[in-house]
């Protein structure tokens, strides 16, 4: 159904965002360590990184809404076939 296609596109966007967030979280900690060690004294709390991760998930959700709405305007079979090819 069209609603199922909508959910598939949204979940796909959120999965991509979660994977990207989990990969960039250690990178952000490393950059924060390098910044505080070599450049400028600053305090980076883990809560700051959690908020950044949450913000990126919201951005991925909002970014998935457009393609999800477009996907619901097409036939569900066509959308699923094209999604499996990409």
C-alpha atoms as a PDB file:
ATOM      1  CA  UNK A   1       0.000   0.000   0.000  1.00  0.00           C
ATOM      2  CA  UNK A   2       1.031   3.617  -0.319  1.00  0.00           C
ATOM      3  CA  UNK A   3       1.377   4.027   3.436  1.00  0.00           C
ATOM      4  CA  UNK A   4       3.785   1.081   3.576  1.00  0.00           C
ATOM      5  CA  UNK A   5       5.922   2.680   0.864  1.00  0.00           C
ATOM      6  CA  UNK A   6       5.918   5.919   2.864  1.00  0.00           C
ATOM      7  CA  UNK A   7       7.165   4.080   5.956  1.00  0.00           C
ATOM      8  CA  UNK A   8       9.813   2.194   3.980  1.00  0.00           C
ATOM      9  CA  UNK A   9      11.276   5.426   2.621  1.00  0.00           C
ATOM     10  CA  UNK A  10      11.216   7.084   6.063  1.00  0.00           C
ATOM     11  CA  UNK A  11      12.862   4.094   7.768  1.00  0.00           C
ATOM     12  CA  UNK A  12      15.509   3.924   5.056  1.00  0.00           C
ATOM     13  CA  UNK A  13      16.383   7.592   5.623  1.00  0.00           C
ATOM     14  CA  UNK A  14      16.515   7.131   9.391  1.00  0.00           C
ATOM     15  CA  UNK A  15      18.757   4.066   9.064  1.00  0.00           C
ATOM     16  CA  UNK A  16      21.177   5.983   6.878  1.00  0.00           C
ATOM     17  CA  UNK A  17      21.166   8.815   9.413  1.00  0.00           C
ATOM     18  CA  UNK A  18      21.713   6.477  12.357  1.00  0.00           C
ATOM     19  CA  UNK A  19      24.629   4.727  10.685  1.00  0.00           C
ATOM     20  CA  UNK A  20      26.198   8.048   9.715  1.00  0.00           C
ATOM     21  CA  UNK A  21      25.681   9.380  13.230  1.00  0.00           C
ATOM     22  CA  UNK A  22      27.243   6.324  14.832  1.00  0.00           C
ATOM     23  CA  UNK A  23      30.253   6.596  12.530  1.00  0.00           C
ATOM     24  CA  UNK A  24      30.747  10.318  13.074  1.00  0.00           C
ATOM     25  CA  UNK A  25      30.308  10.210  16.863  1.00  0.00           C
ATOM     26  CA  UNK A  26      33.811   8.773  17.518  1.00  0.00           C
ATOM     27  CA  UNK A  27      35.235  11.112  14.886  1.00  0.00           C
ATOM     28  CA  UNK A  28      33.675  14.080  16.672  1.00  0.00           C
ATOM     29  CA  UNK A  29      35.146  12.928  19.974  1.00  0.00           C
ATOM     30  CA  UNK A  30      38.564  12.626  18.362  1.00  0.00           C
ATOM     31  CA  UNK A  31      38.319  16.072  16.810  1.00  0.00           C
ATOM     32  CA  UNK A  32      37.182  17.539  20.126  1.00  0.00           C
ATOM     33  CA  UNK A  33      40.151  15.931  21.860  1.00  0.00           C
ATOM     34  CA  UNK A  34      42.514  17.299  19.208  1.00  0.00           C
ATOM     35  CA  UNK A  35      40.995  20.751  19.498  1.00  0.00           C
ATOM     36  CA  UNK A  36      41.338  20.873  23.261  1.00  0.00           C
ATOM     37  CA  UNK A  37      44.827  19.370  23.224  1.00  0.00           C
ATOM     38  CA  UNK A  38      46.476  21.328  20.420  1.00  0.00           C
ATOM     39  CA  UNK A  39      44.454  24.414  19.550  1.00  0.00           C
ATOM     40  CA  UNK A  40      42.143  26.053  22.050  1.00  0.00           C
ATOM     41  CA  UNK A  41      41.107  25.090  25.538  1.00  0.00           C
ATOM     42  CA  UNK A  42      37.432  24.257  25.407  1.00  0.00           C
ATOM     43  CA  UNK A  43      35.129  21.830  27.124  1.00  0.00           C
ATOM     44  CA  UNK A  44      33.132  19.430  24.978  1.00  0.00           C
ATOM     45  CA  UNK A  45      30.595  17.522  27.025  1.00  0.00           C
ATOM     46  CA  UNK A  46      29.217  14.155  25.863  1.00  0.00           C
ATOM     47  CA  UNK A  47      25.742  15.672  26.135  1.00  0.00           C
ATOM     48  CA  UNK A  48      26.684  18.090  23.355  1.00  0.00           C
ATOM     49  CA  UNK A  49      27.441  15.182  21.049  1.00  0.00           C
ATOM     50  CA  UNK A  50      24.182  13.473  21.994  1.00  0.00           C
ATOM     51  CA  UNK A  51      22.276  16.606  21.018  1.00  0.00           C
ATOM     52  CA  UNK A  52      24.146  16.734  17.714  1.00  0.00           C
ATOM     53  CA  UNK A  53      23.224  13.107  17.039  1.00  0.00           C
ATOM     54  CA  UNK A  54      19.577  13.802  17.888  1.00  0.00           C
ATOM     55  CA  UNK A  55      19.609  16.847  15.622  1.00  0.00           C
ATOM     56  CA  UNK A  56      21.051  14.825  12.766  1.00  0.00           C
ATOM     57  CA  UNK A  57      18.298  12.231  13.201  1.00  0.00           C
ATOM     58  CA  UNK A  58      15.665  14.979  13.034  1.00  0.00           C
ATOM     59  CA  UNK A  59      17.346  16.348   9.902  1.00  0.00           C
ATOM     60  CA  UNK A  60      17.318  12.881   8.305  1.00  0.00           C
ATOM     61  CA  UNK A  61      13.641  12.469   9.153  1.00  0.00           C
ATOM     62  CA  UNK A  62      12.749  15.844   7.658  1.00  0.00           C
ATOM     63  CA  UNK A  63      14.931  15.100   4.633  1.00  0.00           C
ATOM     64  CA  UNK A  64      13.138  11.774   4.117  1.00  0.00           C
ATOM     65  CA  UNK A  65       9.687  13.339   4.118  1.00  0.00           C
ATOM     66  CA  UNK A  66      10.001  14.800   0.616  1.00  0.00           C
ATOM     67  CA  UNK A  67      11.037  11.564  -1.111  1.00  0.00           C
ATOM     68  CA  UNK A  68       8.459   9.640   0.932  1.00  0.00           C
ATOM     69  CA  UNK A  69       5.646  11.919  -0.217  1.00  0.00           C
ATOM     70  CA  UNK A  70       6.826  11.660  -3.833  1.00  0.00           C
ATOM     71  CA  UNK A  71       7.008   7.870  -3.508  1.00  0.00           C
ATOM     72  CA  UNK A  72       3.406   7.708  -2.309  1.00  0.00           C
ATOM     73  CA  UNK A  73       2.271   9.453  -5.499  1.00  0.00           C
ATOM     74  CA  UNK A  74       3.545   6.545  -7.630  1.00  0.00           C
ATOM     75  CA  UNK A  75       2.454   2.961  -7.799  1.00  0.00           C
ATOM     76  CA  UNK A  76       3.833   0.940  -4.841  1.00  0.00           C
ATOM     77  CA  UNK A  77       5.132  -1.859  -7.057  1.00  0.00           C
ATOM     78  CA  UNK A  78       7.116   0.553  -9.211  1.00  0.00           C
ATOM     79  CA  UNK A  79       8.649   2.213  -6.165  1.00  0.00           C
ATOM     80  CA  UNK A  80       9.694  -1.087  -4.587  1.00  0.00           C
ATOM     81  CA  UNK A  81      11.158  -2.366  -7.860  1.00  0.00           C
ATOM     82  CA  UNK A  82      13.204   0.793  -8.388  1.00  0.00           C
ATOM     83  CA  UNK A  83      14.322   0.780  -4.732  1.00  0.00           C
ATOM     84  CA  UNK A  84      15.653  -2.757  -5.001  1.00  0.00           C
ATOM     85  CA  UNK A  85      17.723  -1.817  -8.052  1.00  0.00           C
ATOM     86  CA  UNK A  86      19.454   1.132  -6.412  1.00  0.00           C
END
